[in-house]
Amino acid sequence: MQHDPVEQSPAYLAVVDHVEELALQELDRLGIPRGSFGSCHAFWAAKQQVLHDRFGIEWKSPAEMNPLIIFD
């Protein structure tokens, strides 16, 4: 499985834990149960948005990096 190389950058590593918590909070706000079918896509979208808007980091989700894999 491919991962976005930005995940190894110092800028990403410095903020990833905080960003993932903010993404989970967004799922909660939207009423999407954590771990529910398909919630990974909403989580990745929220994570991508926070990374871009708050930190200027362009990140590609696992679904974007692996178009031939079906994620649920």
PDB file of N, CA and C in Angstrom:
ATOM      1  N   MET A   1       0.848  -1.173   0.000  1.00  0.00           N
ATOM      2  CA  MET A   1       0.000   0.000   0.000  1.00  0.00           C
ATOM      3  C   MET A   1       0.897   1.239   0.000  1.00  0.00           C
ATOM      4  N   GLN A   2       0.524   2.220  -0.812  1.00  0.00           N
ATOM      5  CA  GLN A   2       1.289   3.456  -0.929  1.00  0.00           C
ATOM      6  C   GLN A   2       0.859   4.461   0.150  1.00  0.00           C
ATOM      7  N   HIS A   3       1.814   5.232   0.630  1.00  0.00           N
ATOM      8  CA  HIS A   3       1.560   6.316   1.583  1.00  0.00           C
ATOM      9  C   HIS A   3       2.129   7.595   1.004  1.00  0.00           C
ATOM     10  N   ASP A   4       1.488   8.709   1.307  1.00  0.00           N
ATOM     11  CA  ASP A   4       1.985   9.992   0.835  1.00  0.00           C
ATOM     12  C   ASP A   4       3.336  10.273   1.499  1.00  0.00           C
ATOM     13  N   PRO A   5       4.369  10.566   0.718  1.00  0.00           N
ATOM     14  CA  PRO A   5       5.689  10.850   1.288  1.00  0.00           C
ATOM     15  C   PRO A   5       5.703  12.024   2.267  1.00  0.00           C
ATOM     16  N   VAL A   6       4.719  12.907   2.186  1.00  0.00           N
ATOM     17  CA  VAL A   6       4.672  14.041   3.112  1.00  0.00           C
ATOM     18  C   VAL A   6       4.550  13.545   4.560  1.00  0.00           C
ATOM     19  N   GLU A   7       4.063  12.322   4.741  1.00  0.00           N
ATOM     20  CA  GLU A   7       3.906  11.766   6.086  1.00  0.00           C
ATOM     21  C   GLU A   7       5.235  11.594   6.805  1.00  0.00           C
ATOM     22  N   GLN A   8       6.335  11.671   6.085  1.00  0.00           N
ATOM     23  CA  GLN A   8       7.662  11.561   6.695  1.00  0.00           C
ATOM     24  C   GLN A   8       8.321  12.920   6.910  1.00  0.00           C
ATOM     25  N   SER A   9       7.641  13.984   6.520  1.00  0.00           N
ATOM     26  CA  SER A   9       8.237  15.320   6.638  1.00  0.00           C
ATOM     27  C   SER A   9       8.163  15.814   8.081  1.00  0.00           C
ATOM     28  N   PRO A  10       9.142  16.598   8.502  1.00  0.00           N
ATOM     29  CA  PRO A  10       9.118  17.152   9.856  1.00  0.00           C
ATOM     30  C   PRO A  10       7.867  17.995  10.123  1.00  0.00           C
ATOM     31  N   ALA A  11       7.405  18.747   9.135  1.00  0.00           N
ATOM     32  CA  ALA A  11       6.221  19.598   9.326  1.00  0.00           C
ATOM     33  C   ALA A  11       4.990  18.752   9.630  1.00  0.00           C
ATOM     34  N   TYR A  12       4.800  17.663   8.893  1.00  0.00           N
ATOM     35  CA  TYR A  12       3.661  16.772   9.106  1.00  0.00           C
ATOM     36  C   TYR A  12       3.779  16.080  10.462  1.00  0.00           C
ATOM     37  N   LEU A  13       4.932  15.526  10.739  1.00  0.00           N
ATOM     38  CA  LEU A  13       5.131  14.788  11.985  1.00  0.00           C
ATOM     39  C   LEU A  13       4.924  15.663  13.218  1.00  0.00           C
ATOM     40  N   ALA A  14       5.204  16.952  13.090  1.00  0.00           N
ATOM     41  CA  ALA A  14       5.054  17.877  14.216  1.00  0.00           C
ATOM     42  C   ALA A  14       3.598  18.129  14.575  1.00  0.00           C
ATOM     43  N   VAL A  15       2.689  17.944  13.617  1.00  0.00           N
ATOM     44  CA  VAL A  15       1.287  18.312  13.860  1.00  0.00           C
ATOM     45  C   VAL A  15       0.292  17.171  13.720  1.00  0.00           C
ATOM     46  N   VAL A  16       0.715  16.006  13.257  1.00  0.00           N
ATOM     47  CA  VAL A  16      -0.228  14.950  12.889  1.00  0.00           C
ATOM     48  C   VAL A  16      -1.141  14.525  14.038  1.00  0.00           C
ATOM     49  N   ASP A  17      -0.632  14.398  15.243  1.00  0.00           N
ATOM     50  CA  ASP A  17      -1.484  13.970  16.359  1.00  0.00           C
ATOM     51  C   ASP A  17      -2.587  14.991  16.620  1.00  0.00           C
ATOM     52  N   HIS A  18      -2.236  16.253  16.629  1.00  0.00           N
ATOM     53  CA  HIS A  18      -3.210  17.322  16.840  1.00  0.00           C
ATOM     54  C   HIS A  18      -4.225  17.347  15.704  1.00  0.00           C
ATOM     55  N   VAL A  19      -3.759  17.218  14.483  1.00  0.00           N
ATOM     56  CA  VAL A  19      -4.642  17.250  13.312  1.00  0.00           C
ATOM     57  C   VAL A  19      -5.623  16.082  13.352  1.00  0.00           C
ATOM     58  N   GLU A  20      -5.154  14.906  13.706  1.00  0.00           N
ATOM     59  CA  GLU A  20      -6.046  13.750  13.754  1.00  0.00           C
ATOM     60  C   GLU A  20      -7.099  13.911  14.844  1.00  0.00           C
ATOM     61  N   GLU A  21      -6.747  14.531  15.951  1.00  0.00           N
ATOM     62  CA  GLU A  21      -7.751  14.794  16.992  1.00  0.00           C
ATOM     63  C   GLU A  21      -8.783  15.789  16.488  1.00  0.00           C
ATOM     64  N   LEU A  22      -8.352  16.821  15.799  1.00  0.00           N
ATOM     65  CA  LEU A  22      -9.301  17.779  15.225  1.00  0.00           C
ATOM     66  C   LEU A  22     -10.207  17.114  14.189  1.00  0.00           C
ATOM     67  N   ALA A  23      -9.654  16.201  13.403  1.00  0.00           N
ATOM     68  CA  ALA A  23     -10.460  15.476  12.412  1.00  0.00           C
ATOM     69  C   ALA A  23     -11.509  14.606  13.105  1.00  0.00           C
ATOM     70  N   LEU A  24     -11.135  13.957  14.185  1.00  0.00           N
ATOM     71  CA  LEU A  24     -12.097  13.152  14.943  1.00  0.00           C
ATOM     72  C   LEU A  24     -13.188  14.026  15.552  1.00  0.00           C
ATOM     73  N   GLN A  25     -12.824  15.191  16.016  1.00  0.00           N
ATOM     74  CA  GLN A  25     -13.823  16.126  16.544  1.00  0.00           C
ATOM     75  C   GLN A  25     -14.799  16.544  15.454  1.00  0.00           C
ATOM     76  N   GLU A  26     -14.316  16.689  14.233  1.00  0.00           N
ATOM     77  CA  GLU A  26     -15.192  17.040  13.121  1.00  0.00           C
ATOM     78  C   GLU A  26     -16.167  15.895  12.830  1.00  0.00           C
ATOM     79  N   LEU A  27     -15.705  14.656  12.894  1.00  0.00           N
ATOM     80  CA  LEU A  27     -16.617  13.519  12.727  1.00  0.00           C
ATOM     81  C   LEU A  27     -17.706  13.561  13.796  1.00  0.00           C
ATOM     82  N   ASP A  28     -17.309  13.830  15.028  1.00  0.00           N
ATOM     83  CA  ASP A  28     -18.281  13.929  16.120  1.00  0.00           C
ATOM     84  C   ASP A  28     -19.290  15.034  15.832  1.00  0.00           C
ATOM     85  N   ARG A  29     -18.808  16.184  15.387  1.00  0.00           N
ATOM     86  CA  ARG A  29     -19.685  17.314  15.089  1.00  0.00           C
ATOM     87  C   ARG A  29     -20.691  16.964  13.994  1.00  0.00           C
ATOM     88  N   LEU A  30     -20.236  16.184  13.029  1.00  0.00           N
ATOM     89  CA  LEU A  30     -21.099  15.781  11.921  1.00  0.00           C
ATOM     90  C   LEU A  30     -22.010  14.608  12.267  1.00  0.00           C
ATOM     91  N   GLY A  31     -21.796  14.017  13.438  1.00  0.00           N
ATOM     92  CA  GLY A  31     -22.615  12.878  13.851  1.00  0.00           C
ATOM     93  C   GLY A  31     -22.226  11.581  13.169  1.00  0.00           C
ATOM     94  N   ILE A  32     -20.995  11.479  12.727  1.00  0.00           N
ATOM     95  CA  ILE A  32     -20.509  10.257  12.080  1.00  0.00           C
ATOM     96  C   ILE A  32     -19.820   9.416  13.149  1.00  0.00           C
ATOM     97  N   PRO A  33     -20.376   8.251  13.466  1.00  0.00           N
ATOM     98  CA  PRO A  33     -19.760   7.407  14.502  1.00  0.00           C
ATOM     99  C   PRO A  33     -18.359   6.962  14.105  1.00  0.00           C
ATOM    100  N   ARG A  34     -17.445   7.091  15.029  1.00  0.00           N
ATOM    101  CA  ARG A  34     -16.070   6.660  14.780  1.00  0.00           C
ATOM    102  C   ARG A  34     -16.055   5.157  14.511  1.00  0.00           C
ATOM    103  N   GLY A  35     -15.363   4.769  13.476  1.00  0.00           N
ATOM    104  CA  GLY A  35     -15.246   3.359  13.144  1.00  0.00           C
ATOM    105  C   GLY A  35     -16.420   2.790  12.364  1.00  0.00           C
ATOM    106  N   SER A  36     -17.395   3.628  12.052  1.00  0.00           N
ATOM    107  CA  SER A  36     -18.542   3.136  11.290  1.00  0.00           C
ATOM    108  C   SER A  36     -18.147   2.927   9.828  1.00  0.00           C
ATOM    109  N   PHE A  37     -18.966   2.156   9.134  1.00  0.00           N
ATOM    110  CA  PHE A  37     -18.699   1.838   7.735  1.00  0.00           C
ATOM    111  C   PHE A  37     -18.543   3.130   6.927  1.00  0.00           C
ATOM    112  N   GLY A  38     -17.422   3.262   6.268  1.00  0.00           N
ATOM    113  CA  GLY A  38     -17.162   4.422   5.422  1.00  0.00           C
ATOM    114  C   GLY A  38     -16.653   5.660   6.147  1.00  0.00           C
ATOM    115  N   SER A  39     -16.568   5.613   7.470  1.00  0.00           N
ATOM    116  CA  SER A  39     -16.146   6.806   8.213  1.00  0.00           C
ATOM    117  C   SER A  39     -14.704   7.192   7.933  1.00  0.00           C
ATOM    118  N   CYS A  40     -13.900   6.246   7.453  1.00  0.00           N
ATOM    119  CA  CYS A  40     -12.502   6.577   7.149  1.00  0.00           C
ATOM    120  C   CYS A  40     -12.431   7.679   6.091  1.00  0.00           C
ATOM    121  N   HIS A  41     -13.368   7.683   5.154  1.00  0.00           N
ATOM    122  CA  HIS A  41     -13.349   8.702   4.105  1.00  0.00           C
ATOM    123  C   HIS A  41     -13.648  10.093   4.665  1.00  0.00           C
ATOM    124  N   ALA A  42     -14.601  10.165   5.585  1.00  0.00           N
ATOM    125  CA  ALA A  42     -14.912  11.447   6.228  1.00  0.00           C
ATOM    126  C   ALA A  42     -13.738  11.900   7.092  1.00  0.00           C
ATOM    127  N   PHE A  43     -13.111  10.950   7.785  1.00  0.00           N
ATOM    128  CA  PHE A  43     -11.946  11.276   8.615  1.00  0.00           C
ATOM    129  C   PHE A  43     -10.816  11.810   7.743  1.00  0.00           C
ATOM    130  N   TRP A  44     -10.540  11.125   6.643  1.00  0.00           N
ATOM    131  CA  TRP A  44      -9.457  11.577   5.763  1.00  0.00           C
ATOM    132  C   TRP A  44      -9.754  12.932   5.153  1.00  0.00           C
ATOM    133  N   ALA A  45     -10.995  13.171   4.801  1.00  0.00           N
ATOM    134  CA  ALA A  45     -11.364  14.479   4.240  1.00  0.00           C
ATOM    135  C   ALA A  45     -11.160  15.583   5.276  1.00  0.00           C
ATOM    136  N   ALA A  46     -11.577  15.318   6.514  1.00  0.00           N
ATOM    137  CA  ALA A  46     -11.403  16.306   7.585  1.00  0.00           C
ATOM    138  C   ALA A  46      -9.920  16.525   7.872  1.00  0.00           C
ATOM    139  N   LYS A  47      -9.162  15.455   7.915  1.00  0.00           N
ATOM    140  CA  LYS A  47      -7.717  15.558   8.159  1.00  0.00           C
ATOM    141  C   LYS A  47      -7.048  16.357   7.054  1.00  0.00           C
ATOM    142  N   GLN A  48      -7.414  16.069   5.821  1.00  0.00           N
ATOM    143  CA  GLN A  48      -6.855  16.777   4.674  1.00  0.00           C
ATOM    144  C   GLN A  48      -7.167  18.272   4.742  1.00  0.00           C
ATOM    145  N   GLN A  49      -8.395  18.598   5.123  1.00  0.00           N
ATOM    146  CA  GLN A  49      -8.816  20.000   5.214  1.00  0.00           C
ATOM    147  C   GLN A  49      -8.040  20.741   6.299  1.00  0.00           C
ATOM    148  N   VAL A  50      -7.902  20.116   7.468  1.00  0.00           N
ATOM    149  CA  VAL A  50      -7.166  20.756   8.568  1.00  0.00           C
ATOM    150  C   VAL A  50      -5.700  20.933   8.186  1.00  0.00           C
ATOM    151  N   LEU A  51      -5.102  19.901   7.625  1.00  0.00           N
ATOM    152  CA  LEU A  51      -3.699  20.011   7.217  1.00  0.00           C
ATOM    153  C   LEU A  51      -3.499  21.155   6.237  1.00  0.00           C
ATOM    154  N   HIS A  52      -4.403  21.278   5.298  1.00  0.00           N
ATOM    155  CA  HIS A  52      -4.287  22.333   4.283  1.00  0.00           C
ATOM    156  C   HIS A  52      -4.557  23.718   4.868  1.00  0.00           C
ATOM    157  N   ASP A  53      -5.704  23.856   5.543  1.00  0.00           N
ATOM    158  CA  ASP A  53      -6.134  25.178   6.011  1.00  0.00           C
ATOM    159  C   ASP A  53      -5.284  25.735   7.137  1.00  0.00           C
ATOM    160  N   ARG A  54      -4.929  24.908   8.084  1.00  0.00           N
ATOM    161  CA  ARG A  54      -4.215  25.404   9.264  1.00  0.00           C
ATOM    162  C   ARG A  54      -2.701  25.350   9.143  1.00  0.00           C
ATOM    163  N   PHE A  55      -2.206  24.393   8.344  1.00  0.00           N
ATOM    164  CA  PHE A  55      -0.760  24.182   8.329  1.00  0.00           C
ATOM    165  C   PHE A  55      -0.140  24.271   6.940  1.00  0.00           C
ATOM    166  N   GLY A  56      -0.957  24.463   5.913  1.00  0.00           N
ATOM    167  CA  GLY A  56      -0.439  24.588   4.557  1.00  0.00           C
ATOM    168  C   GLY A  56       0.209  23.327   4.025  1.00  0.00           C
ATOM    169  N   ILE A  57      -0.216  22.188   4.553  1.00  0.00           N
ATOM    170  CA  ILE A  57       0.349  20.909   4.125  1.00  0.00           C
ATOM    171  C   ILE A  57      -0.624  20.228   3.176  1.00  0.00           C
ATOM    172  N   GLU A  58      -0.125  19.884   1.999  1.00  0.00           N
ATOM    173  CA  GLU A  58      -0.926  19.141   1.021  1.00  0.00           C
ATOM    174  C   GLU A  58      -0.677  17.656   1.254  1.00  0.00           C
ATOM    175  N   TRP A  59      -1.715  16.935   1.631  1.00  0.00           N
ATOM    176  CA  TRP A  59      -1.617  15.512   1.957  1.00  0.00           C
ATOM    177  C   TRP A  59      -2.625  14.739   1.131  1.00  0.00           C
ATOM    178  N   LYS A  60      -2.209  13.583   0.651  1.00  0.00           N
ATOM    179  CA  LYS A  60      -3.103  12.707  -0.093  1.00  0.00           C
ATOM    180  C   LYS A  60      -3.502  11.541   0.803  1.00  0.00           C
ATOM    181  N   SER A  61      -4.798  11.260   0.835  1.00  0.00           N
ATOM    182  CA  SER A  61      -5.331  10.186   1.667  1.00  0.00           C
ATOM    183  C   SER A  61      -4.913   8.819   1.124  1.00  0.00           C
ATOM    184  N   PRO A  62      -5.041   7.780   1.948  1.00  0.00           N
ATOM    185  CA  PRO A  62      -4.771   6.434   1.452  1.00  0.00           C
ATOM    186  C   PRO A  62      -5.615   6.078   0.228  1.00  0.00           C
ATOM    187  N   ALA A  63      -6.869   6.541   0.180  1.00  0.00           N
ATOM    188  CA  ALA A  63      -7.723   6.259  -0.976  1.00  0.00           C
ATOM    189  C   ALA A  63      -7.175   6.928  -2.236  1.00  0.00           C
ATOM    190  N   GLU A  64      -6.658   8.136  -2.094  1.00  0.00           N
ATOM    191  CA  GLU A  64      -6.071   8.837  -3.242  1.00  0.00           C
ATOM    192  C   GLU A  64      -4.770   8.181  -3.693  1.00  0.00           C
ATOM    193  N   MET A  65      -4.003   7.701  -2.734  1.00  0.00           N
ATOM    194  CA  MET A  65      -2.718   7.080  -3.049  1.00  0.00           C
ATOM    195  C   MET A  65      -2.874   5.670  -3.602  1.00  0.00           C
ATOM    196  N   ASN A  66      -4.010   5.037  -3.319  1.00  0.00           N
ATOM    197  CA  ASN A  66      -4.234   3.646  -3.707  1.00  0.00           C
ATOM    198  C   ASN A  66      -5.590   3.492  -4.379  1.00  0.00           C
ATOM    199  N   PRO A  67      -5.753   4.016  -5.585  1.00  0.00           N
ATOM    200  CA  PRO A  67      -7.058   4.033  -6.228  1.00  0.00           C
ATOM    201  C   PRO A  67      -7.633   2.659  -6.540  1.00  0.00           C
ATOM    202  N   LEU A  68      -6.833   1.633  -6.544  1.00  0.00           N
ATOM    203  CA  LEU A  68      -7.326   0.292  -6.845  1.00  0.00           C
ATOM    204  C   LEU A  68      -7.767  -0.484  -5.597  1.00  0.00           C
ATOM    205  N   ILE A  69      -7.618   0.137  -4.435  1.00  0.00           N
ATOM    206  CA  ILE A  69      -8.019  -0.504  -3.174  1.00  0.00           C
ATOM    207  C   ILE A  69      -9.338   0.119  -2.724  1.00  0.00           C
ATOM    208  N   ILE A  70     -10.245  -0.733  -2.268  1.00  0.00           N
ATOM    209  CA  ILE A  70     -11.526  -0.256  -1.749  1.00  0.00           C
ATOM    210  C   ILE A  70     -11.417  -0.180  -0.228  1.00  0.00           C
ATOM    211  N   PHE A  71     -11.633   1.008   0.295  1.00  0.00           N
ATOM    212  CA  PHE A  71     -11.593   1.234   1.745  1.00  0.00           C
ATOM    213  C   PHE A  71     -13.019   1.380   2.236  1.00  0.00           C
ATOM    214  N   ASP A  72     -13.286   0.879   3.456  1.00  0.00           N
ATOM    215  CA  ASP A  72     -14.644   1.034   3.996  1.00  0.00           C
ATOM    216  C   ASP A  72     -14.674   1.803   5.271  1.00  0.00           C
TER     217      ASP A  72
END
